[in-house]
Protein backbone atom coordinates (compact mmCIF):
# COMPACT_ATOMS: atom_id res chain seq x y z
CA MET A 1 -10.82 31.47 9.45
CA THR A 2 -9.55 27.68 8.92
CA ARG A 3 -8.95 26.52 5.16
CA ALA A 4 -10.83 23.41 4.49
CA ARG A 5 -8.16 20.94 3.45
CA ARG A 6 -8.74 19.07 -0.06
CA PRO A 7 -9.70 15.49 -0.36
CA GLN A 8 -6.65 13.82 -1.06
CA ARG A 9 -6.41 11.41 -3.70
CA ILE A 10 -4.99 7.88 -2.08
CA LEU A 11 -3.95 4.73 -3.85
CA ALA A 12 -4.18 1.85 -1.25
CA VAL A 13 -2.67 -1.34 -2.25
CA ALA A 14 -2.65 -4.85 -1.23
CA SER A 15 -1.86 -8.18 -2.20
CA SER A 16 -4.61 -10.79 -1.68
CA GLY A 17 -5.07 -12.82 1.32
CA GLY A 18 -4.06 -11.11 4.94
CA HIS A 19 -2.72 -8.19 3.66
CA TRP A 20 -6.21 -7.44 1.85
CA VAL A 21 -7.69 -7.79 5.18
CA GLN A 22 -5.59 -5.41 6.80
CA LEU A 23 -5.83 -2.75 4.04
CA SER A 24 -9.82 -2.94 4.29
CA ARG A 25 -9.28 -2.43 8.03
CA LEU A 26 -7.77 0.93 7.29
CA LYS A 27 -10.89 1.66 4.96
CA PRO A 28 -12.39 4.10 7.92
CA ALA A 29 -9.28 6.36 8.05
CA PHE A 30 -9.99 7.16 4.13
CA GLU A 31 -13.47 8.71 4.43
CA GLY A 32 -13.59 11.88 3.09
CA HIS A 33 -10.77 11.34 0.45
CA ASP A 34 -10.70 9.97 -3.05
CA VAL A 35 -9.38 6.32 -2.95
CA ALA A 36 -8.76 4.00 -5.33
CA TYR A 37 -7.83 0.24 -4.74
CA LEU A 38 -5.10 -1.92 -6.44
CA THR A 39 -4.56 -5.74 -5.49
CA THR A 40 -3.90 -8.99 -6.73
CA GLU A 41 -7.23 -10.20 -6.86
CA PRO A 42 -9.98 -9.26 -9.34
CA GLY A 43 -12.78 -10.70 -7.08
CA HIS A 44 -12.19 -8.00 -4.75
CA ARG A 45 -13.82 -5.55 -7.08
CA ARG A 46 -17.23 -6.06 -5.21
CA GLU A 47 -15.53 -5.05 -1.72
CA VAL A 48 -14.94 -1.35 -2.72
CA GLY A 49 -18.16 -0.30 -3.66
CA SER A 50 -17.70 2.39 -6.63
CA ALA A 51 -14.08 2.97 -5.79
CA ARG A 52 -11.82 2.86 -8.74
CA PHE A 53 -10.54 -0.85 -8.58
CA TYR A 54 -7.22 -2.02 -9.99
CA SER A 55 -5.32 -5.61 -10.26
CA VAL A 56 -2.09 -6.62 -11.27
CA PRO A 57 -0.47 -9.72 -11.36
CA ASP A 58 0.59 -11.31 -8.13
CA ALA A 59 4.34 -11.23 -8.44
CA ASN A 60 7.48 -12.25 -6.36
CA ARG A 61 11.38 -12.04 -6.71
CA ASN A 62 11.17 -15.59 -8.18
CA ALA A 63 8.68 -14.82 -10.65
CA LYS A 64 10.87 -11.93 -12.83
CA GLY A 65 8.05 -12.39 -15.40
CA LYS A 66 5.31 -11.67 -13.51
CA LEU A 67 7.10 -9.05 -11.49
CA ALA A 68 7.56 -7.15 -14.62
CA LEU A 69 4.39 -7.51 -15.76
CA ALA A 70 2.91 -6.29 -12.63
CA THR A 71 5.83 -3.31 -12.45
CA ALA A 72 4.54 -1.85 -15.79
CA LYS A 73 1.01 -2.04 -14.86
CA LEU A 74 1.63 -0.05 -11.63
CA VAL A 75 3.25 2.54 -13.47
CA TRP A 76 0.48 2.88 -15.76
CA ILE A 77 -2.15 3.06 -12.97
CA VAL A 78 -0.07 5.25 -10.66
CA LEU A 79 0.52 7.77 -13.77
CA ARG A 80 -2.98 7.40 -14.10
CA GLU A 81 -3.98 8.18 -10.79
CA ARG A 82 -1.71 10.63 -9.94
CA PRO A 83 -2.11 9.85 -6.21
CA ASP A 84 -1.50 12.18 -3.54
CA VAL A 85 -0.62 9.34 -1.02
CA VAL A 86 0.02 5.74 -1.68
CA VAL A 87 -0.69 3.27 1.37
CA SER A 88 0.33 -0.05 1.11
CA THR A 89 0.02 -3.19 3.59
CA GLY A 90 2.28 -5.36 1.50
CA ALA A 91 3.78 -7.33 -0.04
CA ALA A 92 5.94 -7.08 -3.48
CA PRO A 93 3.14 -5.20 -5.48
CA GLY A 94 2.71 -2.83 -2.42
CA TYR A 95 6.42 -2.18 -2.28
CA LEU A 96 6.43 -1.60 -6.04
CA ALA A 97 3.64 0.92 -5.72
CA LEU A 98 5.62 2.59 -3.38
CA ARG A 99 8.57 2.83 -5.47
CA VAL A 100 6.84 3.92 -8.66
CA ALA A 101 4.84 6.86 -6.73
CA LYS A 102 7.66 8.61 -6.22
CA LEU A 103 7.64 9.42 -10.04
CA VAL A 104 4.63 11.30 -9.14
CA ARG A 105 6.16 12.90 -5.70
CA ALA A 106 3.09 10.86 -3.81
CA ARG A 107 3.82 10.46 -0.40
CA THR A 108 4.04 6.69 0.89
CA VAL A 109 3.02 4.54 4.01
CA TRP A 110 4.00 1.27 4.50
CA VAL A 111 1.92 -0.60 7.28
CA ASP A 112 3.83 -4.11 7.64
CA SER A 113 1.60 -7.44 8.08
CA VAL A 114 0.59 -8.21 11.85
CA ALA A 115 2.02 -11.61 10.84
CA ASN A 116 5.16 -10.43 11.01
CA VAL A 117 5.83 -10.91 14.86
CA GLU A 118 9.87 -11.65 14.93
CA GLU A 119 10.70 -9.19 12.46
CA LEU A 120 10.01 -6.85 9.03
CA SER A 121 8.60 -8.77 6.01
CA MET A 122 11.55 -8.59 3.16
CA SER A 123 9.34 -6.01 1.47
CA GLY A 124 8.70 -4.28 4.92
CA ARG A 125 12.51 -4.28 4.89
CA LEU A 126 12.67 -2.54 1.82
CA ALA A 127 9.97 -0.11 2.04
CA SER A 128 11.64 1.10 5.53
CA THR A 129 14.31 2.55 3.63
CA LYS A 130 12.13 4.15 0.97
CA ALA A 131 8.56 4.92 2.67
CA ASP A 132 8.03 8.25 4.08
CA LEU A 133 6.25 6.80 7.07
CA CYS A 134 7.15 2.90 7.97
CA LEU A 135 4.82 1.05 10.31
CA THR A 136 5.12 -2.28 12.41
CA GLN A 137 2.19 -3.55 14.04
CA TRP A 138 4.48 -4.86 17.02
CA PRO A 139 5.59 -2.51 19.16
CA HIS A 140 9.03 -4.43 19.85
CA LEU A 141 10.14 -4.24 16.06
CA ALA A 142 9.72 -0.08 15.86
CA GLU A 143 13.27 1.33 15.47
CA GLY A 144 14.93 3.63 13.43
CA ARG A 145 12.87 4.78 10.84
CA VAL A 146 10.07 1.67 11.78
CA ALA A 147 7.55 3.50 14.07
CA TYR A 148 4.84 1.53 16.09
CA GLU A 149 1.21 3.34 16.21
CA GLY A 150 -1.04 0.51 16.91
CA ALA A 151 -2.29 -2.84 15.22
CA VAL A 152 -4.88 -2.82 12.30
CA LEU A 153 -6.01 -6.02 13.72
């Protein structure tokens, strides 16, 4: 007898723009699971239907104040959601979410942007040492802890 697997709690994280588009293309993989979405653009709420939705300030290493605010908000969201898995397509807020997710022992998946043809993004390089699974969308960039399983776009 096969035991049915319980739906996983997934926190799907991406910055706005191309990162969000790529995360949106992963939605079919989340079917049957309990998904919450987090991005830097509050206007994307309408794209996730009845799923839980959060936004954080867009931040990067050059905007320390916004980075601190985004981190504090991410800690609150992760502690509230208690995800089993955090999936991110980037950028900085996605990397921060992966790091914070370790506080609740969530598994983490990083999918580096298809735009990074020559090398992994800075966030992707950082995530490759921390994420449970780090994926590139370019076969020639797969090495070490970075795997290639196909492209999202």
